[in-house]
C-alpha cells in the first residue's frame, strides 16, 4: 500500500502543502515518500502535541535524523534527547543507553529529557493505522 503526502495531510488534518514544506525542511522532498519519511511527519505531529512549536519540532527532527532512523529500525532500541542548559550555553544531546542518559543527567541534573523512542513508536503506530485504513478502503 503506497502512502502519499495527501494521505498524511488528511490524517493530520493539514494541507498537502504543509506536509510538502515539512519534508522540504527535512531535505526529504523530490523523491519517493519512504516509511521513514512518513514516520518523521507523524513524529513532527507528536512533538507538536507535546507543546513544541512547529519550527522547533522540525529543527529537532532534522538534527536528530540519524537517531530517528536508529530507533525506527528496531522497536527495542532506545534513544533519549536531553535538553541541557548551562549558564554559558544550551544544547541537545542524544543518549542511546540508560547508562549514558544517567551520566548526562548526573552532570546536568536539571535537564529536560525527551524519550525519542516513544515519539517514534507512536508515529509508527499512526503510520500502521493509516496503512490499515487505506487497505480497508481499497478492499
C-alpha atoms as a PDB file:
ATOM      1  CA  UNK A   1       0.000   0.000   0.000  1.00  0.00           C
ATOM      2  CA  UNK A   2       1.516   3.291  -1.139  1.00  0.00           C
ATOM      3  CA  UNK A   3       1.279   6.221   1.259  1.00  0.00           C
ATOM      4  CA  UNK A   4       1.237   9.643  -0.362  1.00  0.00           C
ATOM      5  CA  UNK A   5       1.676  13.145   1.000  1.00  0.00           C
ATOM      6  CA  UNK A   6      -2.055  13.666   0.512  1.00  0.00           C
ATOM      7  CA  UNK A   7      -2.772  10.697   2.806  1.00  0.00           C
ATOM      8  CA  UNK A   8      -0.520  12.144   5.504  1.00  0.00           C
ATOM      9  CA  UNK A   9      -2.160  15.556   5.137  1.00  0.00           C
ATOM     10  CA  UNK A  10      -5.658  14.090   5.505  1.00  0.00           C
ATOM     11  CA  UNK A  11      -4.609  12.032   8.516  1.00  0.00           C
ATOM     12  CA  UNK A  12      -3.055  15.055  10.235  1.00  0.00           C
ATOM     13  CA  UNK A  13      -5.831  17.422   9.107  1.00  0.00           C
ATOM     14  CA  UNK A  14      -3.386  19.798   7.427  1.00  0.00           C
ATOM     15  CA  UNK A  15      -2.850  20.849   3.827  1.00  0.00           C
ATOM     16  CA  UNK A  16      -0.717  18.895   1.398  1.00  0.00           C
ATOM     17  CA  UNK A  17       1.489  21.981   1.162  1.00  0.00           C
ATOM     18  CA  UNK A  18       2.150  21.786   4.910  1.00  0.00           C
ATOM     19  CA  UNK A  19       3.378  18.204   4.541  1.00  0.00           C
ATOM     20  CA  UNK A  20       5.406  19.204   1.480  1.00  0.00           C
ATOM     21  CA  UNK A  21       7.049  22.078   3.374  1.00  0.00           C
ATOM     22  CA  UNK A  22       7.839  19.804   6.312  1.00  0.00           C
ATOM     23  CA  UNK A  23       9.517  17.270   4.027  1.00  0.00           C
ATOM     24  CA  UNK A  24      11.372  20.075   2.255  1.00  0.00           C
ATOM     25  CA  UNK A  25      12.636  21.438   5.583  1.00  0.00           C
ATOM     26  CA  UNK A  26      13.897  17.949   6.389  1.00  0.00           C
ATOM     27  CA  UNK A  27      15.566  17.710   2.950  1.00  0.00           C
ATOM     28  CA  UNK A  28      13.294  14.801   2.001  1.00  0.00           C
ATOM     29  CA  UNK A  29      11.429  16.351  -0.932  1.00  0.00           C
ATOM     30  CA  UNK A  30      11.807  15.471  -4.583  1.00  0.00           C
ATOM     31  CA  UNK A  31      11.993  11.725  -4.013  1.00  0.00           C
ATOM     32  CA  UNK A  32       9.503   8.966  -3.377  1.00  0.00           C
ATOM     33  CA  UNK A  33       7.984   9.021   0.099  1.00  0.00           C
ATOM     34  CA  UNK A  34       9.503   6.324   2.324  1.00  0.00           C
ATOM     35  CA  UNK A  35       8.178   4.772   5.524  1.00  0.00           C
ATOM     36  CA  UNK A  36      10.833   6.722   7.420  1.00  0.00           C
ATOM     37  CA  UNK A  37       9.617   9.971   5.824  1.00  0.00           C
ATOM     38  CA  UNK A  38       6.028   9.230   6.807  1.00  0.00           C
ATOM     39  CA  UNK A  39       7.096   8.259  10.322  1.00  0.00           C
ATOM     40  CA  UNK A  40       9.030  11.517  10.605  1.00  0.00           C
ATOM     41  CA  UNK A  41       5.986  13.523   9.513  1.00  0.00           C
ATOM     42  CA  UNK A  42       3.908  11.807  12.193  1.00  0.00           C
ATOM     43  CA  UNK A  43       6.735  12.337  14.708  1.00  0.00           C
ATOM     44  CA  UNK A  44       6.525  16.056  13.984  1.00  0.00           C
ATOM     45  CA  UNK A  45       2.842  15.996  14.890  1.00  0.00           C
ATOM     46  CA  UNK A  46       3.656  14.023  18.053  1.00  0.00           C
ATOM     47  CA  UNK A  47       6.267  16.588  19.088  1.00  0.00           C
ATOM     48  CA  UNK A  48       3.815  19.410  18.488  1.00  0.00           C
ATOM     49  CA  UNK A  49       1.303  17.584  20.685  1.00  0.00           C
ATOM     50  CA  UNK A  50       3.987  17.740  23.391  1.00  0.00           C
ATOM     51  CA  UNK A  51       3.885  21.547  23.110  1.00  0.00           C
ATOM     52  CA  UNK A  52       6.917  22.025  20.856  1.00  0.00           C
ATOM     53  CA  UNK A  53       6.297  24.642  18.204  1.00  0.00           C
ATOM     54  CA  UNK A  54       6.322  23.549  14.568  1.00  0.00           C
ATOM     55  CA  UNK A  55       9.701  25.131  13.745  1.00  0.00           C
ATOM     56  CA  UNK A  56      11.321  23.708  16.891  1.00  0.00           C
ATOM     57  CA  UNK A  57       9.912  20.252  16.135  1.00  0.00           C
ATOM     58  CA  UNK A  58      11.233  20.391  12.560  1.00  0.00           C
ATOM     59  CA  UNK A  59      14.638  21.618  13.731  1.00  0.00           C
ATOM     60  CA  UNK A  60      14.828  18.810  16.285  1.00  0.00           C
ATOM     61  CA  UNK A  61      13.796  16.177  13.726  1.00  0.00           C
ATOM     62  CA  UNK A  62      16.374  17.432  11.222  1.00  0.00           C
ATOM     63  CA  UNK A  63      19.116  17.471  13.845  1.00  0.00           C
ATOM     64  CA  UNK A  64      18.220  14.012  15.148  1.00  0.00           C
ATOM     65  CA  UNK A  65      17.501  12.284  11.830  1.00  0.00           C
ATOM     66  CA  UNK A  66      20.127   9.595  12.465  1.00  0.00           C
ATOM     67  CA  UNK A  67      18.647   8.868  15.870  1.00  0.00           C
ATOM     68  CA  UNK A  68      15.159   8.642  14.369  1.00  0.00           C
ATOM     69  CA  UNK A  69      16.435   6.171  11.797  1.00  0.00           C
ATOM     70  CA  UNK A  70      18.127   4.225  14.611  1.00  0.00           C
ATOM     71  CA  UNK A  71      15.007   3.816  16.754  1.00  0.00           C
ATOM     72  CA  UNK A  72      12.673   3.343  13.776  1.00  0.00           C
ATOM     73  CA  UNK A  73      14.784   0.377  12.683  1.00  0.00           C
ATOM     74  CA  UNK A  74      14.019  -1.682  15.788  1.00  0.00           C
ATOM     75  CA  UNK A  75      11.390  -1.033  18.470  1.00  0.00           C
ATOM     76  CA  UNK A  76      13.726  -2.410  21.148  1.00  0.00           C
ATOM     77  CA  UNK A  77      16.213   0.403  20.591  1.00  0.00           C
ATOM     78  CA  UNK A  78      16.084   3.384  22.923  1.00  0.00           C
ATOM     79  CA  UNK A  79      17.139   6.990  22.473  1.00  0.00           C
ATOM     80  CA  UNK A  80      16.568   9.979  24.701  1.00  0.00           C
ATOM     81  CA  UNK A  81      17.107  13.581  23.682  1.00  0.00           C
ATOM     82  CA  UNK A  82      18.453  15.620  26.578  1.00  0.00           C
ATOM     83  CA  UNK A  83      17.966  19.379  26.526  1.00  0.00           C
ATOM     84  CA  UNK A  84      20.859  20.819  28.539  1.00  0.00           C
ATOM     85  CA  UNK A  85      21.003  24.404  29.648  1.00  0.00           C
ATOM     86  CA  UNK A  86      24.026  25.803  31.461  1.00  0.00           C
ATOM     87  CA  UNK A  87      24.977  29.324  32.391  1.00  0.00           C
ATOM     88  CA  UNK A  88      27.065  29.582  29.231  1.00  0.00           C
ATOM     89  CA  UNK A  89      25.121  27.619  26.652  1.00  0.00           C
ATOM     90  CA  UNK A  90      22.198  25.401  25.815  1.00  0.00           C
ATOM     91  CA  UNK A  91      22.367  22.336  23.621  1.00  0.00           C
ATOM     92  CA  UNK A  92      20.758  18.998  22.843  1.00  0.00           C
ATOM     93  CA  UNK A  93      22.442  15.643  23.098  1.00  0.00           C
ATOM     94  CA  UNK A  94      21.243  12.133  22.311  1.00  0.00           C
ATOM     95  CA  UNK A  95      21.711   9.193  24.667  1.00  0.00           C
ATOM     96  CA  UNK A  96      21.204   5.694  23.281  1.00  0.00           C
ATOM     97  CA  UNK A  97      21.656   3.808  26.522  1.00  0.00           C
ATOM     98  CA  UNK A  98      20.264   4.224  30.015  1.00  0.00           C
ATOM     99  CA  UNK A  99      23.790   4.414  31.371  1.00  0.00           C
ATOM    100  CA  UNK A 100      24.680   7.278  29.004  1.00  0.00           C
ATOM    101  CA  UNK A 101      21.461   9.077  29.944  1.00  0.00           C
ATOM    102  CA  UNK A 102      22.304   8.723  33.646  1.00  0.00           C
ATOM    103  CA  UNK A 103      25.784  10.157  33.112  1.00  0.00           C
ATOM    104  CA  UNK A 104      24.394  13.180  31.278  1.00  0.00           C
ATOM    105  CA  UNK A 105      21.797  13.771  33.977  1.00  0.00           C
ATOM    106  CA  UNK A 106      24.458  13.399  36.684  1.00  0.00           C
ATOM    107  CA  UNK A 107      26.422  16.177  35.017  1.00  0.00           C
ATOM    108  CA  UNK A 108      23.345  18.321  34.276  1.00  0.00           C
ATOM    109  CA  UNK A 109      20.597  17.342  36.751  1.00  0.00           C
ATOM    110  CA  UNK A 110      18.046  19.978  35.713  1.00  0.00           C
ATOM    111  CA  UNK A 111      17.967  18.956  32.060  1.00  0.00           C
ATOM    112  CA  UNK A 112      14.772  18.051  30.249  1.00  0.00           C
ATOM    113  CA  UNK A 113      14.546  14.596  28.700  1.00  0.00           C
ATOM    114  CA  UNK A 114      12.509  13.589  25.671  1.00  0.00           C
ATOM    115  CA  UNK A 115      12.159   9.826  25.069  1.00  0.00           C
ATOM    116  CA  UNK A 116      12.566   9.878  21.292  1.00  0.00           C
ATOM    117  CA  UNK A 117      11.866   6.159  21.033  1.00  0.00           C
ATOM    118  CA  UNK A 118       8.368   6.732  22.431  1.00  0.00           C
ATOM    119  CA  UNK A 119       7.675   9.567  19.988  1.00  0.00           C
ATOM    120  CA  UNK A 120       8.836   7.449  17.045  1.00  0.00           C
ATOM    121  CA  UNK A 121       6.861   4.422  18.292  1.00  0.00           C
ATOM    122  CA  UNK A 122       3.650   6.498  18.410  1.00  0.00           C
ATOM    123  CA  UNK A 123       4.421   7.868  14.945  1.00  0.00           C
ATOM    124  CA  UNK A 124       4.967   4.332  13.612  1.00  0.00           C
ATOM    125  CA  UNK A 125       1.647   3.258  15.150  1.00  0.00           C
ATOM    126  CA  UNK A 126      -0.081   6.115  13.343  1.00  0.00           C
ATOM    127  CA  UNK A 127       1.533   5.029  10.077  1.00  0.00           C
ATOM    128  CA  UNK A 128       0.381   1.444  10.650  1.00  0.00           C
ATOM    129  CA  UNK A 129      -3.148   2.676  11.387  1.00  0.00           C
ATOM    130  CA  UNK A 130      -3.122   4.738   8.187  1.00  0.00           C
ATOM    131  CA  UNK A 131      -1.972   1.707   6.191  1.00  0.00           C
ATOM    132  CA  UNK A 132      -4.754  -0.415   7.706  1.00  0.00           C
ATOM    133  CA  UNK A 133      -7.306   2.282   6.934  1.00  0.00           C
ATOM    134  CA  UNK A 134      -6.150   2.568   3.312  1.00  0.00           C
ATOM    135  CA  UNK A 135      -6.108  -1.190   2.949  1.00  0.00           C
ATOM    136  CA  UNK A 136      -9.665  -1.406   4.271  1.00  0.00           C
ATOM    137  CA  UNK A 137     -10.802   1.341   1.887  1.00  0.00           C
ATOM    138  CA  UNK A 138      -9.184  -0.436  -1.049  1.00  0.00           C
ATOM    139  CA  UNK A 139     -10.901  -3.726  -0.249  1.00  0.00           C
END
